[in-house]
Amino acid sequence: MKGKELGADAIARVARDNGMSAEDMRNDMQEEILAAYGNRETRNQWDEIFGEGVIPTPEEFVERLGQMMRLS
């Protein structure tokens, strides 16, 4: 599976485990991603992880954090 597919699969599994639809989970995640992107206190970290000015999709977010966990 490729990155976005892995992210989508992870979102679907977590949604199912929490009794919600994958679409609702994605919507909730997108709201939180936008809130995190707008946080001035953590902007430098955000830019280092995702790139300056980049707002990832929920799938991209999950994949990138998964990559970071595999590297640590």
Protein backbone atom coordinates (compact mmCIF):
# COMPACT_ATOMS: atom_id res chain seq x y z
CA MET A 1 0.00 0.00 0.00
CA LYS A 2 1.12 3.52 -0.69
CA GLY A 3 1.19 6.40 1.79
CA LYS A 4 -2.26 7.87 1.26
CA GLU A 5 -3.78 4.39 1.10
CA LEU A 6 -2.14 3.50 4.42
CA GLY A 7 -3.41 6.75 5.92
CA ALA A 8 -6.93 6.15 4.61
CA ASP A 9 -6.90 2.60 5.94
CA ALA A 10 -5.72 3.75 9.37
CA ILE A 11 -8.42 6.43 9.50
CA ALA A 12 -11.10 3.92 8.53
CA ARG A 13 -9.94 1.47 11.23
CA VAL A 14 -9.85 4.11 13.96
CA ALA A 15 -13.26 5.42 12.89
CA ARG A 16 -14.72 1.92 12.98
CA ASP A 17 -13.18 1.27 16.40
CA ASN A 18 -14.83 4.47 17.65
CA GLY A 19 -18.23 3.79 16.12
CA MET A 20 -18.11 6.53 13.53
CA SER A 21 -17.85 6.79 9.78
CA ALA A 22 -14.50 7.34 8.07
CA GLU A 23 -15.94 10.53 6.56
CA ASP A 24 -16.83 11.91 9.99
CA MET A 25 -13.38 10.97 11.27
CA ARG A 26 -11.73 12.75 8.31
CA ASN A 27 -13.88 15.84 8.88
CA ASP A 28 -12.99 15.92 12.58
CA MET A 29 -9.33 15.45 11.75
CA GLN A 30 -9.37 18.20 9.13
CA GLU A 31 -10.82 20.64 11.68
CA GLU A 32 -8.06 19.74 14.14
CA ILE A 33 -5.38 19.96 11.45
CA LEU A 34 -6.55 23.47 10.56
CA ALA A 35 -6.51 24.46 14.23
CA ALA A 36 -2.99 23.07 14.65
CA TYR A 37 -1.82 24.82 11.49
CA GLY A 38 -3.07 28.13 12.88
CA ASN A 39 -1.25 27.73 16.21
CA ARG A 40 1.54 30.31 16.19
CA GLU A 41 3.32 28.68 19.14
CA THR A 42 3.97 25.45 17.23
CA ARG A 43 4.21 26.81 13.68
CA ASN A 44 7.96 26.22 13.39
CA GLN A 45 7.54 22.55 14.29
CA TRP A 46 4.61 22.23 11.89
CA ASP A 47 6.64 23.75 9.04
CA GLU A 48 9.53 21.36 9.77
CA ILE A 49 7.22 18.34 9.65
CA PHE A 50 4.99 19.21 6.70
CA GLY A 51 6.72 22.05 4.89
CA GLU A 52 6.19 25.77 5.08
CA GLY A 53 2.60 26.74 4.35
CA VAL A 54 1.46 23.12 3.85
CA ILE A 55 -1.87 21.96 5.23
CA PRO A 56 -1.93 18.18 4.85
CA THR A 57 -5.00 16.08 4.26
CA PRO A 58 -5.89 13.74 7.12
CA GLU A 59 -4.38 10.86 5.13
CA GLU A 60 -1.12 12.77 4.56
CA PHE A 61 -1.04 13.73 8.24
CA VAL A 62 -1.36 10.10 9.38
CA GLU A 63 1.22 8.90 6.87
CA ARG A 64 3.79 11.55 7.79
CA LEU A 65 3.46 10.92 11.51
CA GLY A 66 3.71 7.18 10.82
CA GLN A 67 6.94 7.79 8.92
CA MET A 68 8.30 9.80 11.81
CA MET A 69 7.46 7.02 14.26
CA ARG A 70 9.22 4.43 12.08
CA LEU A 71 12.33 6.59 11.98
CA SER A 72 12.56 7.04 15.75
